[in-house]
Amino acid sequence: MAVVSEETTSICSHCHRAIPSSNIDLHFAHCSRNLEKCKICGDMVPKKYAEEHYLNTHAPVACSLCSETMEREVLAIHKGENCPQRIVTCEFCEFPLPAIDLAEHQEVCGNRTELCHLCTRYIRLRERYNHESRCTGVPNSVVGSSSDARAAERPQGAPRRQPHDNYSRKRLLFTIAITGIAVILGSLIFQRKTDNNQGH
C-alpha cells in the first residue's frame, strides 16, 4: 500500500504565496525578476504591465456626468449605480431625468390620479398597483361608509365635466366655421372690388 505524503510548502518572500518547498528557489527567482506588488491593491502584476495596471485600474479619473474623481475601475459602477447625474426613469410616467431629481419628481408625479375603469374611482398613481390587486370592480354607486360616499361623489363629478367638454368642442367648431365663412366672404368681396377696378 502506497503512502501518500503531503508535500511541505514554503512562503515566497516576494509574493507571499505558499509554494511547494521543492520549487521555492526556482519560483522565487522567477517571481522576483518578473512580478511586482501593486502598492495600491497588493496584486502581483507583471513588471512590464505595472504602469498599464495602474492606469487602467487605479489612476484617478473624473466622471463625465458629475465631475467626481475616482479610481478608473469603479467608474463604470459609479456611472451605472451611484452617480447623482445618471439618467433614470420615473416609475409612474417613465420620463427620463437625473437621479438626483427623481425623488422630488416622483413625489409630485405619484400624487397624480387616474380613473380606475373597474370601479370608476380616481386612484393616485403611487397607490395604483395596490388598488388594482384589491379592486373588486364594484362601481361607486354601492356606498358603504360616509368616507366611501365622499369618495364616490368625486368621480361622479368627472362625467359631469363631459358636457362642458362637448360644449367647448362645439364652440370651437362653431368658431372655425364662422372664421371660414368670414374668409370666403372676404375673398369674394375683395375679388369683386378687383373686378370692378379692372372694369373701369
N, C-alpha and C. Protein backbone atom coordinates (compact mmCIF):
# COMPACT_ATOMS: atom_id res chain seq x y z
N MET A 1 0.85 -1.18 0.00
CA MET A 1 0.00 0.00 0.00
C MET A 1 0.89 1.23 0.00
N ALA A 2 0.59 2.14 -0.99
CA ALA A 2 1.42 3.35 -1.12
C ALA A 2 1.01 4.38 -0.08
N VAL A 3 1.97 5.02 0.49
CA VAL A 3 1.71 6.06 1.48
C VAL A 3 1.79 7.42 0.77
N VAL A 4 0.69 8.17 0.88
CA VAL A 4 0.65 9.49 0.24
C VAL A 4 1.26 10.49 1.21
N SER A 5 2.35 11.08 0.80
CA SER A 5 2.99 12.06 1.68
C SER A 5 2.62 13.47 1.21
N GLU A 6 2.17 14.29 2.14
CA GLU A 6 1.84 15.67 1.80
C GLU A 6 3.12 16.46 1.67
N GLU A 7 3.25 17.15 0.52
CA GLU A 7 4.46 17.92 0.28
C GLU A 7 4.43 19.18 1.13
N THR A 8 5.54 19.50 1.72
CA THR A 8 5.61 20.70 2.54
C THR A 8 5.70 21.93 1.63
N THR A 9 5.19 23.05 2.16
CA THR A 9 5.22 24.30 1.38
C THR A 9 6.02 25.34 2.13
N SER A 10 6.50 26.31 1.36
CA SER A 10 7.20 27.45 1.93
C SER A 10 6.56 28.72 1.38
N ILE A 11 6.63 29.78 2.15
CA ILE A 11 6.05 31.06 1.73
C ILE A 11 7.10 31.85 0.96
N CYS A 12 6.72 32.27 -0.26
CA CYS A 12 7.63 33.10 -1.08
C CYS A 12 7.74 34.47 -0.43
N SER A 13 8.97 34.91 -0.18
CA SER A 13 9.17 36.21 0.49
C SER A 13 8.83 37.39 -0.43
N HIS A 14 8.63 37.14 -1.73
CA HIS A 14 8.31 38.23 -2.67
C HIS A 14 6.80 38.38 -2.86
N CYS A 15 6.13 37.25 -3.15
CA CYS A 15 4.68 37.34 -3.42
C CYS A 15 3.83 36.84 -2.26
N HIS A 16 4.47 36.27 -1.25
CA HIS A 16 3.79 35.80 -0.04
C HIS A 16 2.78 34.69 -0.31
N ARG A 17 3.00 33.89 -1.37
CA ARG A 17 2.15 32.74 -1.64
C ARG A 17 2.84 31.47 -1.15
N ALA A 18 2.03 30.47 -0.83
CA ALA A 18 2.58 29.17 -0.39
C ALA A 18 3.00 28.39 -1.63
N ILE A 19 4.24 28.02 -1.68
CA ILE A 19 4.82 27.32 -2.83
C ILE A 19 5.40 25.98 -2.34
N PRO A 20 5.26 24.89 -3.13
CA PRO A 20 5.91 23.64 -2.71
C PRO A 20 7.40 23.87 -2.44
N SER A 21 7.87 23.38 -1.31
CA SER A 21 9.26 23.63 -0.87
C SER A 21 10.29 23.23 -1.91
N SER A 22 10.00 22.17 -2.66
CA SER A 22 10.97 21.71 -3.67
C SER A 22 11.12 22.71 -4.82
N ASN A 23 10.11 23.60 -5.01
CA ASN A 23 10.15 24.56 -6.12
C ASN A 23 10.43 25.99 -5.67
N ILE A 24 10.60 26.20 -4.38
CA ILE A 24 10.65 27.57 -3.86
C ILE A 24 11.79 28.39 -4.46
N ASP A 25 12.97 27.81 -4.62
CA ASP A 25 14.11 28.59 -5.15
C ASP A 25 13.85 29.03 -6.59
N LEU A 26 13.38 28.08 -7.40
CA LEU A 26 13.09 28.39 -8.80
C LEU A 26 11.96 29.42 -8.90
N HIS A 27 10.92 29.21 -8.08
CA HIS A 27 9.79 30.15 -8.07
C HIS A 27 10.25 31.55 -7.68
N PHE A 28 11.03 31.66 -6.61
CA PHE A 28 11.46 32.97 -6.13
C PHE A 28 12.28 33.70 -7.19
N ALA A 29 13.16 32.98 -7.88
CA ALA A 29 13.99 33.60 -8.92
C ALA A 29 13.10 34.19 -10.01
N HIS A 30 12.09 33.42 -10.43
CA HIS A 30 11.18 33.88 -11.49
C HIS A 30 10.27 35.00 -10.98
N CYS A 31 9.74 34.83 -9.80
CA CYS A 31 8.78 35.76 -9.20
C CYS A 31 9.43 37.14 -8.98
N SER A 32 10.58 37.18 -8.37
CA SER A 32 11.23 38.46 -8.05
C SER A 32 11.72 39.17 -9.31
N ARG A 33 12.02 38.40 -10.36
CA ARG A 33 12.50 39.01 -11.59
C ARG A 33 11.35 39.58 -12.42
N ASN A 34 10.19 38.93 -12.42
CA ASN A 34 9.12 39.28 -13.35
C ASN A 34 7.89 39.97 -12.74
N LEU A 35 7.68 39.81 -11.44
CA LEU A 35 6.46 40.36 -10.84
C LEU A 35 6.77 41.46 -9.84
N GLU A 36 5.82 42.37 -9.71
CA GLU A 36 5.94 43.37 -8.64
C GLU A 36 4.57 43.55 -8.01
N LYS A 37 4.61 43.91 -6.74
CA LYS A 37 3.36 44.06 -5.99
C LYS A 37 2.81 45.46 -6.18
N CYS A 38 1.54 45.55 -6.56
CA CYS A 38 0.90 46.87 -6.72
C CYS A 38 0.79 47.52 -5.34
N LYS A 39 1.25 48.76 -5.24
CA LYS A 39 1.25 49.47 -3.95
C LYS A 39 -0.16 49.83 -3.49
N ILE A 40 -1.12 49.82 -4.44
CA ILE A 40 -2.48 50.22 -4.08
C ILE A 40 -3.35 49.03 -3.71
N CYS A 41 -3.40 48.02 -4.60
CA CYS A 41 -4.30 46.89 -4.34
C CYS A 41 -3.59 45.65 -3.82
N GLY A 42 -2.24 45.62 -3.90
CA GLY A 42 -1.49 44.48 -3.40
C GLY A 42 -1.42 43.30 -4.34
N ASP A 43 -2.03 43.41 -5.52
CA ASP A 43 -1.96 42.32 -6.50
C ASP A 43 -0.55 42.23 -7.07
N MET A 44 -0.15 41.00 -7.40
CA MET A 44 1.12 40.79 -8.08
C MET A 44 0.88 40.99 -9.57
N VAL A 45 1.64 41.90 -10.14
CA VAL A 45 1.44 42.29 -11.53
C VAL A 45 2.75 42.11 -12.28
N PRO A 46 2.72 41.61 -13.53
CA PRO A 46 3.97 41.55 -14.30
C PRO A 46 4.60 42.94 -14.37
N LYS A 47 5.91 43.02 -14.14
CA LYS A 47 6.59 44.31 -14.09
C LYS A 47 6.37 45.13 -15.35
N LYS A 48 6.34 44.47 -16.51
CA LYS A 48 6.19 45.23 -17.76
C LYS A 48 4.78 45.80 -17.92
N TYR A 49 3.82 45.29 -17.14
CA TYR A 49 2.45 45.81 -17.22
C TYR A 49 2.05 46.61 -15.98
N ALA A 50 3.01 46.92 -15.13
CA ALA A 50 2.70 47.60 -13.86
C ALA A 50 2.08 48.98 -14.11
N GLU A 51 2.65 49.74 -15.04
CA GLU A 51 2.11 51.09 -15.33
C GLU A 51 0.73 50.99 -15.96
N GLU A 52 0.58 50.04 -16.87
CA GLU A 52 -0.72 49.83 -17.52
C GLU A 52 -1.78 49.43 -16.49
N HIS A 53 -1.38 48.56 -15.55
CA HIS A 53 -2.28 48.15 -14.47
C HIS A 53 -2.73 49.37 -13.67
N TYR A 54 -1.78 50.24 -13.34
CA TYR A 54 -2.12 51.44 -12.57
C TYR A 54 -3.08 52.34 -13.35
N LEU A 55 -2.77 52.59 -14.64
CA LEU A 55 -3.59 53.49 -15.45
C LEU A 55 -5.00 52.95 -15.66
N ASN A 56 -5.10 51.63 -15.89
CA ASN A 56 -6.41 51.04 -16.18
C ASN A 56 -7.24 50.77 -14.94
N THR A 57 -6.58 50.68 -13.79
CA THR A 57 -7.30 50.29 -12.58
C THR A 57 -7.39 51.39 -11.53
N HIS A 58 -6.26 52.04 -11.25
CA HIS A 58 -6.21 52.94 -10.10
C HIS A 58 -6.07 54.42 -10.43
N ALA A 59 -5.70 54.75 -11.65
CA ALA A 59 -5.49 56.17 -11.98
C ALA A 59 -6.77 56.95 -11.73
N PRO A 60 -6.68 58.11 -11.08
CA PRO A 60 -7.89 58.90 -10.83
C PRO A 60 -8.45 59.47 -12.12
N VAL A 61 -9.77 59.31 -12.29
CA VAL A 61 -10.46 59.87 -13.46
C VAL A 61 -11.70 60.60 -12.97
N ALA A 62 -12.14 61.57 -13.76
CA ALA A 62 -13.34 62.33 -13.40
C ALA A 62 -14.54 61.77 -14.14
N CYS A 63 -15.64 61.64 -13.43
CA CYS A 63 -16.90 61.20 -14.05
C CYS A 63 -17.36 62.28 -15.01
N SER A 64 -17.71 61.89 -16.23
CA SER A 64 -18.12 62.87 -17.24
C SER A 64 -19.49 63.46 -16.94
N LEU A 65 -20.25 62.83 -16.03
CA LEU A 65 -21.59 63.32 -15.71
C LEU A 65 -21.59 64.29 -14.54
N CYS A 66 -20.84 63.92 -13.46
CA CYS A 66 -20.90 64.74 -12.24
C CYS A 66 -19.55 65.34 -11.85
N SER A 67 -18.49 65.00 -12.60
CA SER A 67 -17.13 65.52 -12.37
C SER A 67 -16.47 65.01 -11.09
N GLU A 68 -17.07 64.07 -10.39
CA GLU A 68 -16.44 63.48 -9.19
C GLU A 68 -15.24 62.65 -9.63
N THR A 69 -14.14 62.71 -8.87
CA THR A 69 -12.93 61.97 -9.21
C THR A 69 -12.90 60.66 -8.44
N MET A 70 -12.51 59.58 -9.13
CA MET A 70 -12.46 58.26 -8.52
C MET A 70 -11.48 57.38 -9.28
N GLU A 71 -11.20 56.18 -8.74
CA GLU A 71 -10.35 55.23 -9.45
C GLU A 71 -11.09 54.73 -10.69
N ARG A 72 -10.32 54.50 -11.76
CA ARG A 72 -10.92 54.11 -13.03
C ARG A 72 -11.76 52.83 -12.91
N GLU A 73 -11.30 51.88 -12.07
CA GLU A 73 -12.00 50.59 -12.00
C GLU A 73 -13.41 50.71 -11.42
N VAL A 74 -13.69 51.76 -10.66
CA VAL A 74 -15.04 51.91 -10.11
C VAL A 74 -15.91 52.88 -10.91
N LEU A 75 -15.33 53.46 -11.96
CA LEU A 75 -16.06 54.46 -12.75
C LEU A 75 -17.34 53.88 -13.37
N ALA A 76 -17.26 52.69 -13.95
CA ALA A 76 -18.43 52.10 -14.61
C ALA A 76 -19.55 51.84 -13.60
N ILE A 77 -19.18 51.33 -12.41
CA ILE A 77 -20.19 51.08 -11.37
C ILE A 77 -20.79 52.40 -10.91
N HIS A 78 -19.92 53.42 -10.74
CA HIS A 78 -20.39 54.74 -10.32
C HIS A 78 -21.41 55.29 -11.31
N LYS A 79 -21.06 55.24 -12.61
CA LYS A 79 -21.96 55.79 -13.64
C LYS A 79 -23.27 55.02 -13.72
N GLY A 80 -23.20 53.71 -13.51
CA GLY A 80 -24.40 52.89 -13.64
C GLY A 80 -25.30 52.87 -12.41
N GLU A 81 -24.69 53.05 -11.21
CA GLU A 81 -25.48 52.86 -9.99
C GLU A 81 -25.47 54.02 -9.01
N ASN A 82 -24.37 54.79 -8.97
CA ASN A 82 -24.23 55.77 -7.89
C ASN A 82 -24.24 57.23 -8.31
N CYS A 83 -23.93 57.51 -9.57
CA CYS A 83 -23.79 58.91 -10.00
C CYS A 83 -25.11 59.65 -9.85
N PRO A 84 -25.11 60.81 -9.17
CA PRO A 84 -26.36 61.55 -8.99
C PRO A 84 -26.89 62.12 -10.30
N GLN A 85 -26.03 62.21 -11.32
CA GLN A 85 -26.45 62.77 -12.61
C GLN A 85 -26.80 61.69 -13.64
N ARG A 86 -26.72 60.40 -13.24
CA ARG A 86 -27.07 59.35 -14.20
C ARG A 86 -28.56 59.46 -14.53
N ILE A 87 -28.93 59.06 -15.73
CA ILE A 87 -30.31 59.20 -16.16
C ILE A 87 -31.11 57.96 -15.72
N VAL A 88 -32.21 58.23 -15.04
CA VAL A 88 -33.13 57.18 -14.59
C VAL A 88 -34.53 57.55 -15.08
N THR A 89 -35.47 56.64 -14.97
CA THR A 89 -36.83 56.95 -15.42
C THR A 89 -37.81 56.88 -14.26
N CYS A 90 -38.78 57.77 -14.32
CA CYS A 90 -39.84 57.82 -13.30
C CYS A 90 -40.67 56.55 -13.40
N GLU A 91 -40.96 55.92 -12.26
CA GLU A 91 -41.73 54.68 -12.29
C GLU A 91 -43.19 54.92 -12.64
N PHE A 92 -43.65 56.17 -12.57
CA PHE A 92 -45.05 56.46 -12.85
C PHE A 92 -45.28 56.91 -14.29
N CYS A 93 -44.38 57.77 -14.82
CA CYS A 93 -44.59 58.30 -16.17
C CYS A 93 -43.49 57.92 -17.15
N GLU A 94 -42.45 57.24 -16.64
CA GLU A 94 -41.32 56.79 -17.46
C GLU A 94 -40.56 57.94 -18.11
N PHE A 95 -40.64 59.12 -17.53
CA PHE A 95 -39.89 60.27 -18.03
C PHE A 95 -38.44 60.15 -17.58
N PRO A 96 -37.47 60.30 -18.50
CA PRO A 96 -36.05 60.21 -18.11
C PRO A 96 -35.57 61.51 -17.46
N LEU A 97 -34.85 61.39 -16.36
CA LEU A 97 -34.33 62.56 -15.66
C LEU A 97 -33.15 62.15 -14.79
N PRO A 98 -32.31 63.13 -14.35
CA PRO A 98 -31.16 62.80 -13.49
C PRO A 98 -31.63 62.19 -12.17
N ALA A 99 -30.86 61.23 -11.67
CA ALA A 99 -31.23 60.52 -10.44
C ALA A 99 -31.42 61.46 -9.26
N ILE A 100 -30.65 62.55 -9.23
CA ILE A 100 -30.74 63.50 -8.11
C ILE A 100 -32.11 64.16 -8.03
N ASP A 101 -32.82 64.24 -9.17
CA ASP A 101 -34.14 64.88 -9.21
C ASP A 101 -35.29 63.89 -9.11
N LEU A 102 -34.98 62.60 -9.07
CA LEU A 102 -36.03 61.57 -9.16
C LEU A 102 -37.01 61.62 -7.99
N ALA A 103 -36.50 61.68 -6.77
CA ALA A 103 -37.38 61.63 -5.59
C ALA A 103 -38.39 62.77 -5.61
N GLU A 104 -37.92 63.98 -5.89
CA GLU A 104 -38.81 65.15 -5.91
C GLU A 104 -39.85 65.00 -7.02
N HIS A 105 -39.40 64.53 -8.20
CA HIS A 105 -40.32 64.35 -9.32
C HIS A 105 -41.39 63.31 -9.00
N GLN A 106 -40.96 62.16 -8.44
CA GLN A 106 -41.91 61.09 -8.16
C GLN A 106 -42.88 61.46 -7.04
N GLU A 107 -42.45 62.34 -6.14
CA GLU A 107 -43.35 62.80 -5.08
C GLU A 107 -44.56 63.50 -5.70
N VAL A 108 -44.30 64.32 -6.71
CA VAL A 108 -45.38 65.05 -7.39
C VAL A 108 -46.11 64.11 -8.35
N CYS A 109 -45.34 63.39 -9.14
CA CYS A 109 -45.91 62.53 -10.19
C CYS A 109 -46.79 61.43 -9.58
N GLY A 110 -46.35 60.87 -8.48
CA GLY A 110 -47.11 59.79 -7.85
C GLY A 110 -48.42 60.23 -7.25
N ASN A 111 -48.59 61.55 -7.04
CA ASN A 111 -49.84 62.07 -6.50
C ASN A 111 -50.87 62.38 -7.58
N ARG A 112 -50.46 62.26 -8.86
CA ARG A 112 -51.45 62.43 -9.92
C ARG A 112 -52.45 61.28 -9.84
N THR A 113 -53.65 61.49 -10.35
CA THR A 113 -54.67 60.44 -10.29
C THR A 113 -55.06 59.97 -11.68
N GLU A 114 -55.51 58.71 -11.72
CA GLU A 114 -56.05 58.13 -12.95
C GLU A 114 -57.33 57.40 -12.61
N LEU A 115 -58.24 57.37 -13.56
CA LEU A 115 -59.52 56.70 -13.34
C LEU A 115 -59.35 55.20 -13.43
N CYS A 116 -59.84 54.48 -12.42
CA CYS A 116 -59.87 53.02 -12.47
C CYS A 116 -61.13 52.64 -13.25
N HIS A 117 -60.95 51.95 -14.35
CA HIS A 117 -62.10 51.62 -15.21
C HIS A 117 -62.96 50.51 -14.63
N LEU A 118 -62.46 49.83 -13.59
CA LEU A 118 -63.25 48.78 -12.96
C LEU A 118 -64.25 49.34 -11.96
N CYS A 119 -63.76 50.25 -11.09
CA CYS A 119 -64.64 50.78 -10.04
C CYS A 119 -64.99 52.25 -10.24
N THR A 120 -64.49 52.85 -11.30
CA THR A 120 -64.72 54.27 -11.64
C THR A 120 -64.33 55.24 -10.54
N ARG A 121 -63.30 54.89 -9.78
CA ARG A 121 -62.75 55.82 -8.79
C ARG A 121 -61.44 56.37 -9.32
N TYR A 122 -61.08 57.57 -8.88
CA TYR A 122 -59.78 58.14 -9.23
C TYR A 122 -58.76 57.68 -8.19
N ILE A 123 -57.68 57.08 -8.68
CA ILE A 123 -56.66 56.48 -7.80
C ILE A 123 -55.33 57.17 -8.03
N ARG A 124 -54.62 57.49 -6.92
CA ARG A 124 -53.27 58.04 -7.05
C ARG A 124 -52.37 57.03 -7.74
N LEU A 125 -51.47 57.53 -8.58
CA LEU A 125 -50.57 56.63 -9.30
C LEU A 125 -49.72 55.80 -8.35
N ARG A 126 -49.31 56.39 -7.21
CA ARG A 126 -48.48 55.65 -6.27
C ARG A 126 -49.26 54.51 -5.59
N GLU A 127 -50.58 54.59 -5.62
CA GLU A 127 -51.41 53.56 -4.99
C GLU A 127 -52.04 52.63 -6.03
N ARG A 128 -51.74 52.85 -7.31
CA ARG A 128 -52.41 52.11 -8.38
C ARG A 128 -52.18 50.61 -8.28
N TYR A 129 -50.92 50.20 -8.05
CA TYR A 129 -50.62 48.76 -8.02
C TYR A 129 -51.41 48.06 -6.92
N ASN A 130 -51.37 48.64 -5.70
CA ASN A 130 -52.11 48.04 -4.58
C ASN A 130 -53.61 48.05 -4.84
N HIS A 131 -54.10 49.13 -5.44
CA HIS A 131 -55.53 49.24 -5.74
C HIS A 131 -55.95 48.16 -6.73
N GLU A 132 -55.16 48.00 -7.80
CA GLU A 132 -55.51 47.03 -8.84
C GLU A 132 -55.54 45.61 -8.29
N SER A 133 -54.65 45.31 -7.33
CA SER A 133 -54.63 43.96 -6.77
C SER A 133 -55.82 43.71 -5.83
N ARG A 134 -56.44 44.80 -5.31
CA ARG A 134 -57.56 44.64 -4.38
C ARG A 134 -58.90 45.06 -4.96
N CYS A 135 -58.89 45.70 -6.14
CA CYS A 135 -60.12 46.28 -6.70
C CYS A 135 -61.13 45.18 -7.00
N THR A 136 -62.35 45.39 -6.50
CA THR A 136 -63.41 44.39 -6.70
C THR A 136 -64.17 44.65 -8.00
N GLY A 137 -63.97 45.82 -8.58
CA GLY A 137 -64.68 46.15 -9.81
C GLY A 137 -66.09 46.65 -9.56
N VAL A 138 -66.42 46.84 -8.27
CA VAL A 138 -67.76 47.33 -7.94
C VAL A 138 -67.76 48.85 -8.09
N PRO A 139 -68.64 49.40 -8.95
CA PRO A 139 -68.68 50.85 -9.12
C PRO A 139 -69.08 51.53 -7.82
N ASN A 140 -68.83 52.82 -7.76
CA ASN A 140 -69.05 53.57 -6.52
C ASN A 140 -70.51 53.85 -6.22
N SER A 141 -71.45 53.36 -7.06
CA SER A 141 -72.85 53.58 -6.75
C SER A 141 -73.25 52.80 -5.49
N VAL A 142 -72.47 51.73 -5.17
CA VAL A 142 -72.69 51.00 -3.93
C VAL A 142 -71.90 51.71 -2.84
N VAL A 143 -72.61 52.41 -1.96
CA VAL A 143 -71.96 53.26 -0.96
C VAL A 143 -72.04 52.61 0.41
N GLY A 144 -70.90 52.55 1.09
CA GLY A 144 -70.87 51.97 2.44
C GLY A 144 -70.82 53.07 3.47
N SER A 145 -69.62 53.41 3.93
CA SER A 145 -69.45 54.42 4.98
C SER A 145 -69.53 55.81 4.38
N SER A 146 -69.54 56.83 5.25
CA SER A 146 -69.61 58.21 4.79
C SER A 146 -68.34 58.59 4.03
N SER A 147 -67.19 58.01 4.43
CA SER A 147 -65.96 58.32 3.70
C SER A 147 -66.03 57.71 2.31
N ASP A 148 -66.67 56.52 2.18
CA ASP A 148 -66.88 55.93 0.86
C ASP A 148 -67.80 56.82 0.04
N ALA A 149 -68.79 57.40 0.71
CA ALA A 149 -69.73 58.27 -0.01
C ALA A 149 -69.00 59.48 -0.57
N ARG A 150 -68.11 60.08 0.24
CA ARG A 150 -67.36 61.24 -0.25
C ARG A 150 -66.48 60.84 -1.42
N ALA A 151 -65.87 59.66 -1.32
CA ALA A 151 -65.01 59.18 -2.41
C ALA A 151 -65.86 58.90 -3.63
N ALA A 152 -67.10 58.42 -3.42
CA ALA A 152 -67.98 58.10 -4.54
C ALA A 152 -68.43 59.35 -5.26
N GLU A 153 -68.61 60.44 -4.51
CA GLU A 153 -69.07 61.68 -5.13
C GLU A 153 -68.04 62.28 -6.06
N ARG A 154 -66.75 62.11 -5.71
CA ARG A 154 -65.69 62.72 -6.50
C ARG A 154 -65.68 62.25 -7.94
N PRO A 155 -65.60 60.92 -8.21
CA PRO A 155 -65.53 60.51 -9.60
C PRO A 155 -66.79 60.80 -10.38
N GLN A 156 -67.97 60.87 -9.67
CA GLN A 156 -69.20 61.16 -10.38
C GLN A 156 -69.18 62.58 -10.92
N GLY A 157 -68.31 63.43 -10.34
CA GLY A 157 -68.16 64.78 -10.86
C GLY A 157 -67.51 64.78 -12.23
N ALA A 158 -66.71 63.73 -12.53
CA ALA A 158 -65.98 63.69 -13.80
C ALA A 158 -66.91 63.62 -15.00
N PRO A 159 -67.92 62.69 -15.01
CA PRO A 159 -68.79 62.66 -16.18
C PRO A 159 -69.55 63.96 -16.38
N ARG A 160 -69.80 64.71 -15.27
CA ARG A 160 -70.49 65.98 -15.42
C ARG A 160 -69.66 66.98 -16.22
N ARG A 161 -68.33 66.79 -16.19
CA ARG A 161 -67.48 67.69 -16.95
C ARG A 161 -67.59 67.43 -18.45
N GLN A 162 -68.07 66.24 -18.81
CA GLN A 162 -68.11 65.86 -20.21
C GLN A 162 -68.97 66.80 -21.06
N PRO A 163 -70.21 67.15 -20.61
CA PRO A 163 -70.99 68.10 -21.40
C PRO A 163 -70.24 69.40 -21.62
N HIS A 164 -69.48 69.84 -20.58
CA HIS A 164 -68.70 71.06 -20.72
C HIS A 164 -67.65 70.87 -21.83
N ASP A 165 -67.03 69.66 -21.86
CA ASP A 165 -66.06 69.37 -22.91
C ASP A 165 -66.73 69.37 -24.27
N ASN A 166 -67.95 68.77 -24.34
CA ASN A 166 -68.69 68.77 -25.61
C ASN A 166 -69.06 70.19 -26.01
N TYR A 167 -69.45 70.99 -25.02
CA TYR A 167 -69.81 72.38 -25.28
C TYR A 167 -68.60 73.14 -25.83
N SER A 168 -67.42 72.92 -25.21
CA SER A 168 -66.20 73.57 -25.68
C SER A 168 -65.86 73.13 -27.10
N ARG A 169 -66.04 71.84 -27.38
CA ARG A 169 -65.74 71.31 -28.71
C ARG A 169 -66.69 71.94 -29.74
N LYS A 170 -68.00 72.01 -29.40
CA LYS A 170 -68.98 72.62 -30.31
C LYS A 170 -68.66 74.09 -30.54
N ARG A 171 -68.27 74.75 -29.45
CA ARG A 171 -67.94 76.17 -29.56
C ARG A 171 -66.74 76.38 -30.48
N LEU A 172 -65.72 75.49 -30.36
CA LEU A 172 -64.54 75.57 -31.21
C LEU A 172 -64.90 75.35 -32.67
N LEU A 173 -65.74 74.31 -32.93
CA LEU A 173 -66.15 74.03 -34.30
C LEU A 173 -66.96 75.20 -34.87
N PHE A 174 -67.83 75.80 -34.06
CA PHE A 174 -68.62 76.95 -34.48
C PHE A 174 -67.71 78.14 -34.84
N THR A 175 -66.69 78.35 -33.99
CA THR A 175 -65.74 79.44 -34.26
C THR A 175 -64.98 79.21 -35.55
N ILE A 176 -64.57 77.96 -35.79
CA ILE A 176 -63.85 77.63 -37.03
C ILE A 176 -64.75 77.85 -38.23
N ALA A 177 -66.03 77.43 -38.11
CA ALA A 177 -66.99 77.60 -39.22
C ALA A 177 -67.19 79.08 -39.53
N ILE A 178 -67.41 79.88 -38.50
CA ILE A 178 -67.63 81.33 -38.69
C ILE A 178 -66.40 81.96 -39.33
N THR A 179 -65.21 81.59 -38.85
CA THR A 179 -63.97 82.12 -39.41
C THR A 179 -63.85 81.75 -40.88
N GLY A 180 -64.18 80.49 -41.21
CA GLY A 180 -64.13 80.03 -42.60
C GLY A 180 -65.06 80.82 -43.48
N ILE A 181 -66.29 81.03 -43.01
CA ILE A 181 -67.28 81.81 -43.78
C ILE A 181 -66.79 83.24 -43.97
N ALA A 182 -66.23 83.82 -42.92
CA ALA A 182 -65.73 85.20 -43.00
C ALA A 182 -64.60 85.29 -44.03
N VAL A 183 -63.72 84.30 -44.07
CA VAL A 183 -62.61 84.31 -45.03
C VAL A 183 -63.15 84.21 -46.46
N ILE A 184 -64.14 83.32 -46.67
CA ILE A 184 -64.72 83.16 -48.01
C ILE A 184 -65.41 84.44 -48.46
N LEU A 185 -66.23 85.02 -47.56
CA LEU A 185 -66.92 86.27 -47.89
C LEU A 185 -65.92 87.39 -48.18
N GLY A 186 -64.89 87.46 -47.34
CA GLY A 186 -63.87 88.49 -47.54
C GLY A 186 -63.18 88.35 -48.89
N SER A 187 -62.86 87.12 -49.28
CA SER A 187 -62.17 86.92 -50.56
C SER A 187 -63.10 87.23 -51.73
N LEU A 188 -64.42 86.91 -51.58
CA LEU A 188 -65.38 87.24 -52.64
C LEU A 188 -65.51 88.75 -52.81
N ILE A 189 -65.63 89.46 -51.69
CA ILE A 189 -65.75 90.93 -51.75
C ILE A 189 -64.49 91.54 -52.35
N PHE A 190 -63.31 91.02 -51.93
CA PHE A 190 -62.05 91.53 -52.46
C PHE A 190 -61.95 91.27 -53.97
N GLN A 191 -62.43 90.09 -54.41
CA GLN A 191 -62.38 89.74 -55.83
C GLN A 191 -63.30 90.66 -56.64
N ARG A 192 -64.50 90.95 -56.08
CA ARG A 192 -65.45 91.85 -56.75
C ARG A 192 -64.86 93.24 -56.92
N LYS A 193 -64.22 93.72 -55.84
CA LYS A 193 -63.61 95.06 -55.91
C LYS A 193 -62.53 95.08 -56.98
N THR A 194 -61.73 94.00 -57.04
CA THR A 194 -60.66 93.90 -58.02
C THR A 194 -61.24 93.89 -59.43
N ASP A 195 -62.34 93.12 -59.64
CA ASP A 195 -63.01 93.04 -60.96
C ASP A 195 -63.55 94.41 -61.35
N ASN A 196 -64.20 95.12 -60.37
CA ASN A 196 -64.76 96.43 -60.63
C ASN A 196 -63.67 97.44 -61.01
N ASN A 197 -62.54 97.36 -60.32
CA ASN A 197 -61.44 98.31 -60.60
C ASN A 197 -60.86 98.04 -61.99
N GLN A 198 -60.80 96.77 -62.38
CA GLN A 198 -60.26 96.47 -63.71
C GLN A 198 -61.23 96.85 -64.81
N GLY A 199 -62.55 96.80 -64.48
CA GLY A 199 -63.59 97.17 -65.46
C GLY A 199 -63.54 98.66 -65.81
N HIS A 200 -63.12 99.51 -64.84
CA HIS A 200 -63.12 100.97 -65.07
C HIS A 200 -61.91 101.39 -65.81
